Amino acid sequence: MFCSQCGEELPETANFCLKCGVMTRQGIEADVPSPWKWDEEVEKTLSTVAKELEKTFETVREKIHTSIKGESIICPHCGGKNQSGSKFCSKCGNELA
């Protein structure tokens, strides 16, 4: 038996190619489960992390822009208006994120 992808000669009982890892006809007919595709999972995870980082950077950019412009900071806890650059709310005392 030969691999359909790379042409490697294989034992008749092989479910996967010993050289390139592709599933053989034997493996398909035996309904052997494919191994975990770690590279695809890592790529999905990194893509998700990249999107979350971009959201975080955008939030930081907005906060810096607000601070530079001297605009008031609205407390997310009580809605109080605070001076730009404030780290804590002057009305409720909560940290301004």
Protein backbone atom coordinates (compact mmCIF):
# COMPACT_ATOMS: atom_id res chain seq x y z
CA MET A 1 0.00 0.00 0.00
CA PHE A 2 1.21 3.53 -0.81
CA CYS A 3 0.30 6.90 0.70
CA SER A 4 -2.16 8.85 -1.44
CA GLN A 5 -0.45 12.12 -0.56
CA CYS A 6 3.32 11.52 -0.55
CA GLY A 7 3.66 8.05 -2.14
CA GLU A 8 5.45 6.48 0.84
CA GLU A 9 5.22 2.69 0.92
CA LEU A 10 3.19 1.64 3.97
CA PRO A 11 2.34 -1.55 5.83
CA GLU A 12 -1.10 -2.88 4.90
CA THR A 13 -2.28 -2.29 8.47
CA ALA A 14 -1.29 1.40 8.62
CA ASN A 15 -4.10 3.81 9.47
CA PHE A 16 -1.83 6.83 8.90
CA CYS A 17 1.17 7.50 6.69
CA LEU A 18 4.43 7.08 8.57
CA LYS A 19 6.00 9.96 6.64
CA CYS A 20 3.36 12.69 6.21
CA GLY A 21 0.62 11.66 8.66
CA VAL A 22 -2.32 11.60 6.25
CA MET A 23 -5.02 9.02 7.02
CA THR A 24 -4.91 5.98 4.75
CA ARG A 25 -7.83 4.20 3.13
CA GLN A 26 -7.41 1.55 5.86
CA GLY A 27 -7.87 4.24 8.52
CA ILE A 28 -10.91 5.72 6.78
CA GLU A 29 -12.58 2.31 6.37
CA ALA A 30 -11.83 1.47 10.03
CA ASP A 31 -13.38 4.85 11.02
CA VAL A 32 -10.28 5.74 13.02
CA PRO A 33 -10.59 9.18 14.67
CA SER A 34 -8.19 11.84 13.47
CA PRO A 35 -5.61 13.02 15.99
CA TRP A 36 -6.07 16.37 17.70
CA LYS A 37 -5.08 19.19 15.35
CA TRP A 38 -3.01 21.20 17.83
CA ASP A 39 -1.76 23.63 15.19
CA GLU A 40 -5.32 24.61 14.23
CA GLU A 41 -6.31 24.98 17.89
CA VAL A 42 -3.27 27.15 18.61
CA GLU A 43 -4.09 29.34 15.61
CA LYS A 44 -7.71 29.77 16.78
CA THR A 45 -6.56 30.62 20.30
CA LEU A 46 -3.98 33.13 19.10
CA SER A 47 -6.56 34.75 16.84
CA THR A 48 -8.93 35.16 19.79
CA VAL A 49 -6.14 36.58 21.96
CA ALA A 50 -5.18 39.03 19.21
CA LYS A 51 -8.77 40.29 18.91
CA GLU A 52 -9.05 40.75 22.69
CA LEU A 53 -5.71 42.59 22.78
CA GLU A 54 -6.87 44.91 20.01
CA LYS A 55 -10.04 45.72 22.02
CA THR A 56 -7.93 46.41 25.10
CA PHE A 57 -5.53 48.67 23.18
CA GLU A 58 -8.48 50.58 21.72
CA THR A 59 -9.89 51.14 25.21
CA VAL A 60 -6.51 52.37 26.43
CA ARG A 61 -6.17 54.67 23.38
CA GLU A 62 -9.59 56.16 24.10
CA LYS A 63 -8.73 56.73 27.77
CA ILE A 64 -5.42 58.37 26.87
CA HIS A 65 -7.17 60.56 24.31
CA THR A 66 -9.79 61.55 26.87
CA SER A 67 -7.09 62.33 29.43
CA ILE A 68 -5.04 64.41 26.99
CA LYS A 69 -8.07 66.39 25.82
CA GLY A 70 -8.89 67.22 29.43
CA GLU A 71 -12.39 65.80 29.22
CA SER A 72 -14.23 64.70 32.32
CA ILE A 73 -14.11 61.06 33.33
CA ILE A 74 -17.47 59.51 34.14
CA CYS A 75 -17.42 56.98 36.98
CA PRO A 76 -18.72 53.59 35.79
CA HIS A 77 -20.01 52.87 39.31
CA CYS A 78 -22.06 55.98 40.17
CA GLY A 79 -22.02 58.13 37.03
CA GLY A 80 -20.18 60.95 38.81
CA LYS A 81 -18.23 63.44 36.73
CA ASN A 82 -14.51 63.65 37.56
CA GLN A 83 -11.61 65.79 36.37
CA SER A 84 -9.39 64.32 33.68
CA GLY A 85 -6.48 62.37 35.12
CA SER A 86 -8.46 61.32 38.21
CA LYS A 87 -7.78 57.82 39.43
CA PHE A 88 -10.64 57.65 41.93
CA CYS A 89 -14.16 59.00 41.81
CA SER A 90 -14.66 62.15 43.88
CA LYS A 91 -18.29 61.19 44.50
CA CYS A 92 -18.19 57.47 45.47
CA GLY A 93 -14.46 56.77 45.93
CA ASN A 94 -14.33 53.81 43.51
CA GLU A 95 -11.32 53.41 41.26
CA LEU A 96 -11.82 54.83 37.77
CA ALA A 97 -10.78 52.05 35.39
